[in-house]
PDB file of N, CA and C in Angstrom:
ATOM      1  N   UNK A   1     -25.537  28.254 133.646  1.00  0.00           N
ATOM      2  CA  UNK A   1     -24.446  27.458 134.163  1.00  0.00           C
ATOM      3  C   UNK A   1     -24.814  26.980 135.554  1.00  0.00           C
ATOM      4  N   UNK A   2     -24.672  25.670 135.768  1.00  0.00           N
ATOM      5  CA  UNK A   2     -24.995  25.099 137.057  1.00  0.00           C
ATOM      6  C   UNK A   2     -23.861  25.230 138.051  1.00  0.00           C
ATOM      7  N   UNK A   3     -24.155  24.873 139.279  1.00  0.00           N
ATOM      8  CA  UNK A   3     -23.175  24.972 140.350  1.00  0.00           C
ATOM      9  C   UNK A   3     -21.977  24.069 140.064  1.00  0.00           C
ATOM     10  N   UNK A   4     -22.214  22.843 139.584  1.00  0.00           N
ATOM     11  CA  UNK A   4     -21.115  21.925 139.306  1.00  0.00           C
ATOM     12  C   UNK A   4     -20.266  22.398 138.129  1.00  0.00           C
ATOM     13  N   UNK A   5     -20.903  22.978 137.116  1.00  0.00           N
ATOM     14  CA  UNK A   5     -20.143  23.525 135.989  1.00  0.00           C
ATOM     15  C   UNK A   5     -19.242  24.662 136.446  1.00  0.00           C
ATOM     16  N   UNK A   6     -19.756  25.505 137.300  1.00  0.00           N
ATOM     17  CA  UNK A   6     -18.962  26.621 137.822  1.00  0.00           C
ATOM     18  C   UNK A   6     -17.799  26.104 138.674  1.00  0.00           C
ATOM     19  N   UNK A   7     -18.054  25.067 139.482  1.00  0.00           N
ATOM     20  CA  UNK A   7     -16.998  24.487 140.316  1.00  0.00           C
ATOM     21  C   UNK A   7     -15.895  23.883 139.452  1.00  0.00           C
ATOM     22  N   UNK A   8     -16.256  23.209 138.359  1.00  0.00           N
ATOM     23  CA  UNK A   8     -15.263  22.654 137.431  1.00  0.00           C
ATOM     24  C   UNK A   8     -14.421  23.764 136.811  1.00  0.00           C
ATOM     25  N   UNK A   9     -15.080  24.839 136.423  1.00  0.00           N
ATOM     26  CA  UNK A   9     -14.377  25.957 135.792  1.00  0.00           C
ATOM     27  C   UNK A   9     -13.388  26.593 136.756  1.00  0.00           C
ATOM     28  N   UNK A  10     -13.797  26.812 137.977  1.00  0.00           N
ATOM     29  CA  UNK A  10     -12.959  27.463 138.977  1.00  0.00           C
ATOM     30  C   UNK A  10     -11.787  26.556 139.378  1.00  0.00           C
ATOM     31  N   UNK A  11     -12.036  25.253 139.468  1.00  0.00           N
ATOM     32  CA  UNK A  11     -10.983  24.327 139.904  1.00  0.00           C
ATOM     33  C   UNK A  11      -9.988  23.986 138.812  1.00  0.00           C
ATOM     34  N   UNK A  12     -10.314  24.316 137.563  1.00  0.00           N
ATOM     35  CA  UNK A  12      -9.398  24.046 136.471  1.00  0.00           C
ATOM     36  C   UNK A  12      -9.596  22.704 135.802  1.00  0.00           C
ATOM     37  N   UNK A  13     -10.689  22.004 136.108  1.00  0.00           N
ATOM     38  CA  UNK A  13     -10.942  20.714 135.477  1.00  0.00           C
ATOM     39  C   UNK A  13     -12.083  20.800 134.471  1.00  0.00           C
ATOM     40  N   UNK A  14     -12.258  21.967 133.907  1.00  0.00           N
ATOM     41  CA  UNK A  14     -13.298  22.179 132.909  1.00  0.00           C
ATOM     42  C   UNK A  14     -13.010  21.365 131.660  1.00  0.00           C
ATOM     43  N   UNK A  15     -14.052  20.823 131.007  1.00  0.00           N
ATOM     44  CA  UNK A  15     -13.905  20.021 129.801  1.00  0.00           C
ATOM     45  C   UNK A  15     -13.424  20.839 128.616  1.00  0.00           C
ATOM     46  N   UNK A  16     -13.579  22.145 128.649  1.00  0.00           N
ATOM     47  CA  UNK A  16     -13.208  22.983 127.518  1.00  0.00           C
ATOM     48  C   UNK A  16     -11.696  23.084 127.332  1.00  0.00           C
ATOM     49  N   UNK A  17     -10.915  22.766 128.372  1.00  0.00           N
ATOM     50  CA  UNK A  17      -9.468  22.876 128.288  1.00  0.00           C
ATOM     51  C   UNK A  17      -8.799  21.507 128.181  1.00  0.00           C
ATOM     52  N   UNK A  18      -9.522  20.485 127.805  1.00  0.00           N
ATOM     53  CA  UNK A  18      -8.990  19.131 127.755  1.00  0.00           C
ATOM     54  C   UNK A  18      -7.907  19.004 126.695  1.00  0.00           C
ATOM     55  N   UNK A  19      -6.778  18.420 127.071  1.00  0.00           N
ATOM     56  CA  UNK A  19      -5.663  18.205 126.159  1.00  0.00           C
ATOM     57  C   UNK A  19      -5.996  17.059 125.211  1.00  0.00           C
ATOM     58  N   UNK A  20      -5.561  17.132 123.936  1.00  0.00           N
ATOM     59  CA  UNK A  20      -5.841  16.040 123.002  1.00  0.00           C
ATOM     60  C   UNK A  20      -5.136  14.750 123.397  1.00  0.00           C
ATOM     61  N   UNK A  21      -3.995  14.821 124.071  1.00  0.00           N
ATOM     62  CA  UNK A  21      -3.284  13.646 124.569  1.00  0.00           C
ATOM     63  C   UNK A  21      -3.122  13.795 126.079  1.00  0.00           C
ATOM     64  N   UNK A  22      -4.110  13.301 126.847  1.00  0.00           N
ATOM     65  CA  UNK A  22      -4.171  13.621 128.266  1.00  0.00           C
ATOM     66  C   UNK A  22      -3.195  12.870 129.173  1.00  0.00           C
ATOM     67  N   UNK A  23      -2.476  11.847 128.696  1.00  0.00           N
ATOM     68  CA  UNK A  23      -1.572  11.101 129.558  1.00  0.00           C
ATOM     69  C   UNK A  23      -0.147  11.166 129.023  1.00  0.00           C
ATOM     70  N   UNK A  24       0.840  11.200 129.935  1.00  0.00           N
ATOM     71  CA  UNK A  24       2.245  11.308 129.544  1.00  0.00           C
ATOM     72  C   UNK A  24       3.088  10.375 130.416  1.00  0.00           C
ATOM     73  N   UNK A  25       4.095   9.761 129.804  1.00  0.00           N
ATOM     74  CA  UNK A  25       5.085   8.963 130.528  1.00  0.00           C
ATOM     75  C   UNK A  25       6.181   9.915 130.966  1.00  0.00           C
ATOM     76  N   UNK A  26       6.484   9.950 132.257  1.00  0.00           N
ATOM     77  CA  UNK A  26       7.506  10.857 132.747  1.00  0.00           C
ATOM     78  C   UNK A  26       8.921  10.362 132.439  1.00  0.00           C
ATOM     79  N   UNK A  27       9.076   9.085 132.128  1.00  0.00           N
ATOM     80  CA  UNK A  27      10.401   8.541 131.819  1.00  0.00           C
ATOM     81  C   UNK A  27      10.838   8.886 130.400  1.00  0.00           C
ATOM     82  N   UNK A  28       9.958   8.644 129.408  1.00  0.00           N
ATOM     83  CA  UNK A  28      10.348   8.877 128.009  1.00  0.00           C
ATOM     84  C   UNK A  28       9.566  10.012 127.347  1.00  0.00           C
ATOM     85  N   UNK A  29       8.625  10.629 128.095  1.00  0.00           N
ATOM     86  CA  UNK A  29       7.825  11.767 127.644  1.00  0.00           C
ATOM     87  C   UNK A  29       6.922  11.466 126.447  1.00  0.00           C
ATOM     88  N   UNK A  30       6.548  10.197 126.272  1.00  0.00           N
ATOM     89  CA  UNK A  30       5.587   9.820 125.243  1.00  0.00           C
ATOM     90  C   UNK A  30       4.187  10.161 125.737  1.00  0.00           C
ATOM     91  N   UNK A  31       3.329  10.671 124.857  1.00  0.00           N
ATOM     92  CA  UNK A  31       1.958  11.011 125.236  1.00  0.00           C
ATOM     93  C   UNK A  31       0.981   9.990 124.663  1.00  0.00           C
ATOM     94  N   UNK A  32      -0.147   9.790 125.364  1.00  0.00           N
ATOM     95  CA  UNK A  32      -1.145   8.799 124.997  1.00  0.00           C
ATOM     96  C   UNK A  32      -2.549   9.378 125.101  1.00  0.00           C
ATOM     97  N   UNK A  33      -3.473   8.832 124.333  1.00  0.00           N
ATOM     98  CA  UNK A  33      -4.879   9.222 124.419  1.00  0.00           C
ATOM     99  C   UNK A  33      -5.602   8.438 125.504  1.00  0.00           C
ATOM    100  N   UNK A  34      -5.136   7.246 125.823  1.00  0.00           N
ATOM    101  CA  UNK A  34      -5.763   6.392 126.840  1.00  0.00           C
ATOM    102  C   UNK A  34      -4.776   6.152 127.968  1.00  0.00           C
ATOM    103  N   UNK A  35      -5.298   5.809 129.130  1.00  0.00           N
ATOM    104  CA  UNK A  35      -4.451   5.556 130.287  1.00  0.00           C
ATOM    105  C   UNK A  35      -3.953   4.111 130.259  1.00  0.00           C
ATOM    106  N   UNK A  36      -2.657   3.929 130.394  1.00  0.00           N
ATOM    107  CA  UNK A  36      -2.030   2.609 130.449  1.00  0.00           C
ATOM    108  C   UNK A  36      -1.509   2.376 131.856  1.00  0.00           C
ATOM    109  N   UNK A  37      -1.317   1.089 132.226  1.00  0.00           N
ATOM    110  CA  UNK A  37      -0.704   0.771 133.526  1.00  0.00           C
ATOM    111  C   UNK A  37       0.807   0.910 133.454  1.00  0.00           C
ATOM    112  N   UNK A  38       1.366   0.605 132.295  1.00  0.00           N
ATOM    113  CA  UNK A  38       2.795   0.805 132.061  1.00  0.00           C
ATOM    114  C   UNK A  38       2.973   1.358 130.651  1.00  0.00           C
ATOM    115  N   UNK A  39       4.064   2.067 130.440  1.00  0.00           N
ATOM    116  CA  UNK A  39       4.318   2.693 129.145  1.00  0.00           C
ATOM    117  C   UNK A  39       4.630   1.616 128.104  1.00  0.00           C
ATOM    118  N   UNK A  40       3.890   1.575 126.995  1.00  0.00           N
ATOM    119  CA  UNK A  40       4.172   0.585 125.957  1.00  0.00           C
ATOM    120  C   UNK A  40       5.479   0.859 125.206  1.00  0.00           C
ATOM    121  N   UNK A  41       6.048   2.051 125.348  1.00  0.00           N
ATOM    122  CA  UNK A  41       7.289   2.401 124.660  1.00  0.00           C
ATOM    123  C   UNK A  41       8.509   1.985 125.482  1.00  0.00           C
ATOM    124  N   UNK A  42       8.557   2.404 126.760  1.00  0.00           N
ATOM    125  CA  UNK A  42       9.755   2.147 127.565  1.00  0.00           C
ATOM    126  C   UNK A  42       9.524   1.185 128.735  1.00  0.00           C
ATOM    127  N   UNK A  43       8.265   0.889 129.066  1.00  0.00           N
ATOM    128  CA  UNK A  43       7.968  -0.048 130.153  1.00  0.00           C
ATOM    129  C   UNK A  43       7.865   0.582 131.529  1.00  0.00           C
ATOM    130  N   UNK A  44       8.033   1.891 131.628  1.00  0.00           N
ATOM    131  CA  UNK A  44       7.971   2.587 132.916  1.00  0.00           C
ATOM    132  C   UNK A  44       6.554   2.572 133.476  1.00  0.00           C
ATOM    133  N   UNK A  45       6.457   2.614 134.805  1.00  0.00           N
ATOM    134  CA  UNK A  45       5.161   2.705 135.473  1.00  0.00           C
ATOM    135  C   UNK A  45       4.845   4.140 135.906  1.00  0.00           C
ATOM    136  N   UNK A  46       5.678   5.087 135.531  1.00  0.00           N
ATOM    137  CA  UNK A  46       5.517   6.483 135.946  1.00  0.00           C
ATOM    138  C   UNK A  46       4.715   7.262 134.902  1.00  0.00           C
ATOM    139  N   UNK A  47       3.410   6.977 134.812  1.00  0.00           N
ATOM    140  CA  UNK A  47       2.510   7.634 133.875  1.00  0.00           C
ATOM    141  C   UNK A  47       1.611   8.586 134.645  1.00  0.00           C
ATOM    142  N   UNK A  48       1.384   9.760 134.091  1.00  0.00           N
ATOM    143  CA  UNK A  48       0.578  10.780 134.762  1.00  0.00           C
ATOM    144  C   UNK A  48      -0.396  11.420 133.792  1.00  0.00           C
ATOM    145  N   UNK A  49      -1.410  12.031 134.352  1.00  0.00           N
ATOM    146  CA  UNK A  49      -2.333  12.855 133.573  1.00  0.00           C
ATOM    147  C   UNK A  49      -1.567  14.139 133.210  1.00  0.00           C
ATOM    148  N   UNK A  50      -1.582  14.519 131.945  1.00  0.00           N
ATOM    149  CA  UNK A  50      -0.756  15.648 131.506  1.00  0.00           C
ATOM    150  C   UNK A  50      -1.132  16.973 132.150  1.00  0.00           C
ATOM    151  N   UNK A  51      -2.372  17.127 132.592  1.00  0.00           N
ATOM    152  CA  UNK A  51      -2.734  18.390 133.237  1.00  0.00           C
ATOM    153  C   UNK A  51      -2.166  18.500 134.643  1.00  0.00           C
ATOM    154  N   UNK A  52      -1.661  17.366 135.212  1.00  0.00           N
ATOM    155  CA  UNK A  52      -1.039  17.389 136.536  1.00  0.00           C
ATOM    156  C   UNK A  52       0.462  17.656 136.433  1.00  0.00           C
ATOM    157  N   UNK A  53       1.016  17.552 135.226  1.00  0.00           N
ATOM    158  CA  UNK A  53       2.450  17.689 135.031  1.00  0.00           C
ATOM    159  C   UNK A  53       2.744  19.091 134.525  1.00  0.00           C
ATOM    160  N   UNK A  54       3.651  19.783 135.195  1.00  0.00           N
ATOM    161  CA  UNK A  54       4.047  21.120 134.743  1.00  0.00           C
ATOM    162  C   UNK A  54       4.880  20.976 133.474  1.00  0.00           C
ATOM    163  N   UNK A  55       4.501  21.684 132.426  1.00  0.00           N
ATOM    164  CA  UNK A  55       5.227  21.613 131.158  1.00  0.00           C
ATOM    165  C   UNK A  55       6.267  22.683 131.092  1.00  0.00           C
TER     166      UNK A  55
END
């Protein structure tokens, strides 16, 4: 394991824990596989990476 792999693991951004739907709209709680600028369901601009949002 390299230094960068260890740093990813310690910081919590390891690839092994990747969510299948990494993006979520905070307005309507729809999840997406790709990042959008606005939610295609409700039109909100409040989209976040799901690992940053407390579930």
